[in-house]
C-alpha atoms as a PDB file:
ATOM      1  CA  UNK A   1      26.048  17.260  -4.428  1.00  0.00           C
ATOM      2  CA  UNK A   2      24.081  14.005  -4.368  1.00  0.00           C
ATOM      3  CA  UNK A   3      23.764  12.222  -7.708  1.00  0.00           C
ATOM      4  CA  UNK A   4      20.391  12.469  -9.310  1.00  0.00           C
ATOM      5  CA  UNK A   5      17.513  10.118  -7.690  1.00  0.00           C
ATOM      6  CA  UNK A   6      16.759   8.428 -10.825  1.00  0.00           C
ATOM      7  CA  UNK A   7      20.083   6.902 -11.044  1.00  0.00           C
ATOM      8  CA  UNK A   8      20.900   3.546  -9.386  1.00  0.00           C
ATOM      9  CA  UNK A   9      23.943   5.520  -7.479  1.00  0.00           C
ATOM     10  CA  UNK A  10      21.674   8.579  -6.705  1.00  0.00           C
ATOM     11  CA  UNK A  11      18.387   6.005  -5.405  1.00  0.00           C
ATOM     12  CA  UNK A  12      21.069   3.803  -3.504  1.00  0.00           C
ATOM     13  CA  UNK A  13      22.165   6.867  -1.430  1.00  0.00           C
ATOM     14  CA  UNK A  14      18.865   7.792  -0.664  1.00  0.00           C
ATOM     15  CA  UNK A  15      17.828   4.373   0.482  1.00  0.00           C
ATOM     16  CA  UNK A  16      20.906   3.982   2.345  1.00  0.00           C
ATOM     17  CA  UNK A  17      20.312   7.069   4.102  1.00  0.00           C
ATOM     18  CA  UNK A  18      16.909   5.837   5.207  1.00  0.00           C
ATOM     19  CA  UNK A  19      16.536   1.896   5.509  1.00  0.00           C
ATOM     20  CA  UNK A  20      19.234   0.470   7.414  1.00  0.00           C
ATOM     21  CA  UNK A  21      17.541   1.058  10.633  1.00  0.00           C
ATOM     22  CA  UNK A  22      14.678  -1.046   9.606  1.00  0.00           C
ATOM     23  CA  UNK A  23      17.198  -4.123   9.011  1.00  0.00           C
ATOM     24  CA  UNK A  24      15.041  -6.799   7.166  1.00  0.00           C
ATOM     25  CA  UNK A  25      13.453  -3.913   4.637  1.00  0.00           C
ATOM     26  CA  UNK A  26      17.302  -2.845   3.994  1.00  0.00           C
ATOM     27  CA  UNK A  27      18.173  -6.162   3.237  1.00  0.00           C
ATOM     28  CA  UNK A  28      15.132  -6.487   1.214  1.00  0.00           C
ATOM     29  CA  UNK A  29      15.465  -3.214  -0.802  1.00  0.00           C
ATOM     30  CA  UNK A  30      19.393  -3.893  -1.454  1.00  0.00           C
ATOM     31  CA  UNK A  31      18.428  -7.750  -2.553  1.00  0.00           C
ATOM     32  CA  UNK A  32      15.161  -6.045  -4.779  1.00  0.00           C
ATOM     33  CA  UNK A  33      17.751  -3.591  -6.283  1.00  0.00           C
ATOM     34  CA  UNK A  34      19.783  -6.461  -7.474  1.00  0.00           C
ATOM     35  CA  UNK A  35      17.104  -8.290  -8.762  1.00  0.00           C
ATOM     36  CA  UNK A  36      15.949  -5.493 -10.913  1.00  0.00           C
ATOM     37  CA  UNK A  37      19.631  -5.563 -12.614  1.00  0.00           C
ATOM     38  CA  UNK A  38      18.875  -9.077 -13.322  1.00  0.00           C
ATOM     39  CA  UNK A  39      15.949  -8.342 -14.700  1.00  0.00           C
ATOM     40  CA  UNK A  40      16.795  -5.192 -16.764  1.00  0.00           C
ATOM     41  CA  UNK A  41      17.351  -6.925 -20.264  1.00  0.00           C
ATOM     42  CA  UNK A  42      13.292  -6.965 -20.091  1.00  0.00           C
ATOM     43  CA  UNK A  43      13.222  -3.071 -20.294  1.00  0.00           C
ATOM     44  CA  UNK A  44      14.585  -0.872 -23.041  1.00  0.00           C
ATOM     45  CA  UNK A  45      17.968   0.275 -22.414  1.00  0.00           C
ATOM     46  CA  UNK A  46      17.130   3.682 -21.954  1.00  0.00           C
ATOM     47  CA  UNK A  47      15.089   2.471 -18.741  1.00  0.00           C
ATOM     48  CA  UNK A  48      17.169   0.671 -17.288  1.00  0.00           C
ATOM     49  CA  UNK A  49      18.391   2.938 -14.523  1.00  0.00           C
ATOM     50  CA  UNK A  50      15.064   3.971 -14.002  1.00  0.00           C
ATOM     51  CA  UNK A  51      14.086   0.436 -12.817  1.00  0.00           C
ATOM     52  CA  UNK A  52      16.983   0.314 -10.939  1.00  0.00           C
ATOM     53  CA  UNK A  53      16.499   3.390  -9.107  1.00  0.00           C
ATOM     54  CA  UNK A  54      12.662   2.726  -8.635  1.00  0.00           C
ATOM     55  CA  UNK A  55      13.847  -0.757  -7.115  1.00  0.00           C
ATOM     56  CA  UNK A  56      16.248   1.199  -4.431  1.00  0.00           C
ATOM     57  CA  UNK A  57      13.275   3.355  -3.508  1.00  0.00           C
ATOM     58  CA  UNK A  58      10.159   1.406  -3.594  1.00  0.00           C
ATOM     59  CA  UNK A  59      10.241   1.052  -0.078  1.00  0.00           C
ATOM     60  CA  UNK A  60      11.536   3.994   1.218  1.00  0.00           C
ATOM     61  CA  UNK A  61       8.023   5.229   2.611  1.00  0.00           C
ATOM     62  CA  UNK A  62       8.667   2.525   5.483  1.00  0.00           C
ATOM     63  CA  UNK A  63      11.517   4.857   6.975  1.00  0.00           C
ATOM     64  CA  UNK A  64       9.352   6.362   9.870  1.00  0.00           C
ATOM     65  CA  UNK A  65      10.595   9.759   9.412  1.00  0.00           C
ATOM     66  CA  UNK A  66       8.790   9.838   6.287  1.00  0.00           C
ATOM     67  CA  UNK A  67       5.356   7.564   7.406  1.00  0.00           C
ATOM     68  CA  UNK A  68       2.574  10.082   7.015  1.00  0.00           C
ATOM     69  CA  UNK A  69      -0.398   8.304   5.748  1.00  0.00           C
ATOM     70  CA  UNK A  70       0.898   4.850   6.977  1.00  0.00           C
ATOM     71  CA  UNK A  71       0.756   3.301   3.480  1.00  0.00           C
ATOM     72  CA  UNK A  72       4.487   3.163   2.133  1.00  0.00           C
ATOM     73  CA  UNK A  73       3.953   3.671  -1.319  1.00  0.00           C
ATOM     74  CA  UNK A  74       2.207   6.749  -1.093  1.00  0.00           C
ATOM     75  CA  UNK A  75       4.424   8.143   1.603  1.00  0.00           C
ATOM     76  CA  UNK A  76       7.532   7.185  -0.351  1.00  0.00           C
ATOM     77  CA  UNK A  77       6.279   8.617  -3.624  1.00  0.00           C
ATOM     78  CA  UNK A  78       5.415  12.077  -1.840  1.00  0.00           C
ATOM     79  CA  UNK A  79       8.722  12.066  -0.349  1.00  0.00           C
ATOM     80  CA  UNK A  80      10.516  11.906  -3.983  1.00  0.00           C
ATOM     81  CA  UNK A  81       7.989  14.618  -5.279  1.00  0.00           C
ATOM     82  CA  UNK A  82       9.310  16.584  -1.856  1.00  0.00           C
ATOM     83  CA  UNK A  83      13.052  16.083  -3.239  1.00  0.00           C
ATOM     84  CA  UNK A  84      11.886  17.042  -6.784  1.00  0.00           C
ATOM     85  CA  UNK A  85      12.454  13.815  -8.138  1.00  0.00           C
ATOM     86  CA  UNK A  86      11.305  12.810 -11.577  1.00  0.00           C
ATOM     87  CA  UNK A  87       7.580  12.392 -11.852  1.00  0.00           C
ATOM     88  CA  UNK A  88       7.889   8.856 -13.495  1.00  0.00           C
ATOM     89  CA  UNK A  89      10.284   7.494 -10.757  1.00  0.00           C
ATOM     90  CA  UNK A  90       7.864   8.922  -8.610  1.00  0.00           C
ATOM     91  CA  UNK A  91       4.943   7.120 -10.214  1.00  0.00           C
ATOM     92  CA  UNK A  92       6.663   4.048 -10.054  1.00  0.00           C
ATOM     93  CA  UNK A  93       7.240   4.402  -6.535  1.00  0.00           C
ATOM     94  CA  UNK A  94       3.555   4.933  -5.819  1.00  0.00           C
ATOM     95  CA  UNK A  95       2.254   1.916  -8.052  1.00  0.00           C
ATOM     96  CA  UNK A  96       4.946  -0.723  -7.309  1.00  0.00           C
ATOM     97  CA  UNK A  97       3.493  -4.248  -6.735  1.00  0.00           C
ATOM     98  CA  UNK A  98      -0.113  -3.448  -6.951  1.00  0.00           C
ATOM     99  CA  UNK A  99      -0.232  -0.480  -4.923  1.00  0.00           C
ATOM    100  CA  UNK A 100      -3.636   0.395  -5.885  1.00  0.00           C
ATOM    101  CA  UNK A 101      -5.453  -2.800  -4.444  1.00  0.00           C
ATOM    102  CA  UNK A 102      -3.961  -1.849  -1.138  1.00  0.00           C
ATOM    103  CA  UNK A 103      -4.782   1.785  -1.498  1.00  0.00           C
ATOM    104  CA  UNK A 104      -8.655   0.814  -2.175  1.00  0.00           C
ATOM    105  CA  UNK A 105      -8.464  -1.177   1.152  1.00  0.00           C
ATOM    106  CA  UNK A 106      -7.145   1.650   3.111  1.00  0.00           C
ATOM    107  CA  UNK A 107      -9.623   4.355   1.549  1.00  0.00           C
ATOM    108  CA  UNK A 108      -6.388   6.178  -0.078  1.00  0.00           C
ATOM    109  CA  UNK A 109      -7.281   5.579  -3.589  1.00  0.00           C
ATOM    110  CA  UNK A 110      -8.195   9.226  -4.401  1.00  0.00           C
ATOM    111  CA  UNK A 111      -4.862  10.045  -2.972  1.00  0.00           C
ATOM    112  CA  UNK A 112      -3.007   7.544  -5.011  1.00  0.00           C
ATOM    113  CA  UNK A 113      -4.537   8.414  -8.171  1.00  0.00           C
ATOM    114  CA  UNK A 114      -2.715  11.355  -7.968  1.00  0.00           C
ATOM    115  CA  UNK A 115       0.026   9.656  -9.577  1.00  0.00           C
ATOM    116  CA  UNK A 116      -0.806   8.013 -12.876  1.00  0.00           C
ATOM    117  CA  UNK A 117       0.022   4.665 -13.405  1.00  0.00           C
ATOM    118  CA  UNK A 118       1.911   3.429 -15.779  1.00  0.00           C
ATOM    119  CA  UNK A 119       1.616  -0.208 -17.151  1.00  0.00           C
ATOM    120  CA  UNK A 120       5.141  -0.846 -18.622  1.00  0.00           C
ATOM    121  CA  UNK A 121       7.472  -2.879 -19.178  1.00  0.00           C
ATOM    122  CA  UNK A 122       9.365  -0.859 -16.020  1.00  0.00           C
ATOM    123  CA  UNK A 123       6.406  -1.405 -13.609  1.00  0.00           C
ATOM    124  CA  UNK A 124       6.351  -5.202 -14.418  1.00  0.00           C
ATOM    125  CA  UNK A 125       9.782  -5.556 -13.788  1.00  0.00           C
ATOM    126  CA  UNK A 126       9.801  -3.788 -10.463  1.00  0.00           C
ATOM    127  CA  UNK A 127       6.865  -5.753  -9.694  1.00  0.00           C
ATOM    128  CA  UNK A 128       9.092  -8.890 -10.794  1.00  0.00           C
ATOM    129  CA  UNK A 129      11.805  -7.820  -8.624  1.00  0.00           C
ATOM    130  CA  UNK A 130       9.782  -7.037  -5.807  1.00  0.00           C
ATOM    131  CA  UNK A 131       7.883 -10.100  -5.810  1.00  0.00           C
ATOM    132  CA  UNK A 132      10.576 -12.710  -6.473  1.00  0.00           C
ATOM    133  CA  UNK A 133      12.516 -11.548  -3.310  1.00  0.00           C
ATOM    134  CA  UNK A 134      11.808 -12.150   0.350  1.00  0.00           C
ATOM    135  CA  UNK A 135      11.172  -9.942   3.239  1.00  0.00           C
ATOM    136  CA  UNK A 136      14.840 -10.548   4.154  1.00  0.00           C
ATOM    137  CA  UNK A 137      15.974 -10.736   0.824  1.00  0.00           C
ATOM    138  CA  UNK A 138      15.505 -14.363   0.103  1.00  0.00           C
ATOM    139  CA  UNK A 139      15.141 -15.056  -3.614  1.00  0.00           C
ATOM    140  CA  UNK A 140      11.800 -16.684  -4.022  1.00  0.00           C
ATOM    141  CA  UNK A 141       9.691 -17.729  -6.738  1.00  0.00           C
ATOM    142  CA  UNK A 142       6.441 -15.994  -7.284  1.00  0.00           C
ATOM    143  CA  UNK A 143       3.804 -18.160  -5.507  1.00  0.00           C
ATOM    144  CA  UNK A 144       6.410 -18.482  -2.537  1.00  0.00           C
ATOM    145  CA  UNK A 145       6.520 -15.034  -1.929  1.00  0.00           C
ATOM    146  CA  UNK A 146       2.881 -14.379  -2.146  1.00  0.00           C
ATOM    147  CA  UNK A 147       2.375 -16.993   0.262  1.00  0.00           C
ATOM    148  CA  UNK A 148       4.993 -15.366   2.879  1.00  0.00           C
ATOM    149  CA  UNK A 149       2.852 -12.121   2.656  1.00  0.00           C
ATOM    150  CA  UNK A 150      -0.241 -14.322   3.043  1.00  0.00           C
ATOM    151  CA  UNK A 151       1.145 -15.840   6.277  1.00  0.00           C
ATOM    152  CA  UNK A 152       2.900 -12.753   7.508  1.00  0.00           C
ATOM    153  CA  UNK A 153      -0.238 -10.789   7.577  1.00  0.00           C
ATOM    154  CA  UNK A 154      -3.453 -11.460   9.583  1.00  0.00           C
ATOM    155  CA  UNK A 155      -6.329 -12.578   7.478  1.00  0.00           C
ATOM    156  CA  UNK A 156      -8.585  -9.512   6.812  1.00  0.00           C
ATOM    157  CA  UNK A 157      -6.043  -6.735   7.012  1.00  0.00           C
ATOM    158  CA  UNK A 158      -5.191  -4.466   4.583  1.00  0.00           C
ATOM    159  CA  UNK A 159      -2.056  -6.071   3.047  1.00  0.00           C
ATOM    160  CA  UNK A 160      -3.994  -9.677   3.168  1.00  0.00           C
ATOM    161  CA  UNK A 161      -6.961  -8.355   1.416  1.00  0.00           C
ATOM    162  CA  UNK A 162      -5.103  -6.657  -1.259  1.00  0.00           C
ATOM    163  CA  UNK A 163      -2.263  -8.936  -2.278  1.00  0.00           C
ATOM    164  CA  UNK A 164      -5.247 -11.806  -2.350  1.00  0.00           C
ATOM    165  CA  UNK A 165      -6.634  -9.525  -4.933  1.00  0.00           C
ATOM    166  CA  UNK A 166      -3.876  -8.268  -6.613  1.00  0.00           C
ATOM    167  CA  UNK A 167      -2.517 -11.700  -7.115  1.00  0.00           C
ATOM    168  CA  UNK A 168      -3.484 -12.238 -10.660  1.00  0.00           C
ATOM    169  CA  UNK A 169      -2.518  -8.656 -11.551  1.00  0.00           C
ATOM    170  CA  UNK A 170       0.956  -9.272  -9.550  1.00  0.00           C
ATOM    171  CA  UNK A 171       1.649 -12.584 -11.208  1.00  0.00           C
ATOM    172  CA  UNK A 172       0.784 -11.244 -14.965  1.00  0.00           C
ATOM    173  CA  UNK A 173       3.626  -8.879 -14.382  1.00  0.00           C
ATOM    174  CA  UNK A 174       5.914 -11.352 -13.220  1.00  0.00           C
ATOM    175  CA  UNK A 175       5.227 -13.440 -16.369  1.00  0.00           C
ATOM    176  CA  UNK A 176       5.467 -10.828 -18.469  1.00  0.00           C
ATOM    177  CA  UNK A 177       8.912  -9.854 -17.243  1.00  0.00           C
ATOM    178  CA  UNK A 178      10.196 -13.478 -17.445  1.00  0.00           C
ATOM    179  CA  UNK A 179       8.932 -13.736 -20.775  1.00  0.00           C
ATOM    180  CA  UNK A 180      10.494 -10.501 -21.901  1.00  0.00           C
ATOM    181  CA  UNK A 181      14.101 -11.522 -20.295  1.00  0.00           C
ATOM    182  CA  UNK A 182      14.016 -15.163 -22.040  1.00  0.00           C
ATOM    183  CA  UNK A 183      13.244 -13.139 -25.689  1.00  0.00           C
ATOM    184  CA  UNK A 184      16.397 -10.676 -25.219  1.00  0.00           C
ATOM    185  CA  UNK A 185      19.235 -11.108 -27.597  1.00  0.00           C
ATOM    186  CA  UNK A 186      22.369 -12.377 -26.258  1.00  0.00           C
END
């Protein structure tokens, strides 16, 4: 029987069953999970495994076999929900990295709103892990990562517009996570 999806091991197993054919997406996912482990001091001890699990699963919606709407946070969340994953994990995947901004660009706000967004240290840390990791797993600072996304996606595209609008929100999450990490007892 596979491990629970809200554990790092179970989430890693599911991600590994879907993402390796996507090349850089798989490298990115592995590095985001490692970054989430590094950032886990920014969340309560009881949420650390959930954070790392969400990091492993944040991009599973890119897997071709899960593609429905073409909006990976929503497609990933729906797949996790279909597997009976815990609701909180589903919601974290649905809302990773300012998904609400891209949902608005794609006309999918109502579909995403089914999954309530939690404004928490866990979501902040998930955003931190994703927004400081490049597309092939490179370690980037926040501005380099945002600039890389804006170059990769054509001006006027849904992703370019969404990231441009989401930048202050994403930067806030990264800064709050860095602050929480800096103020953890050793």
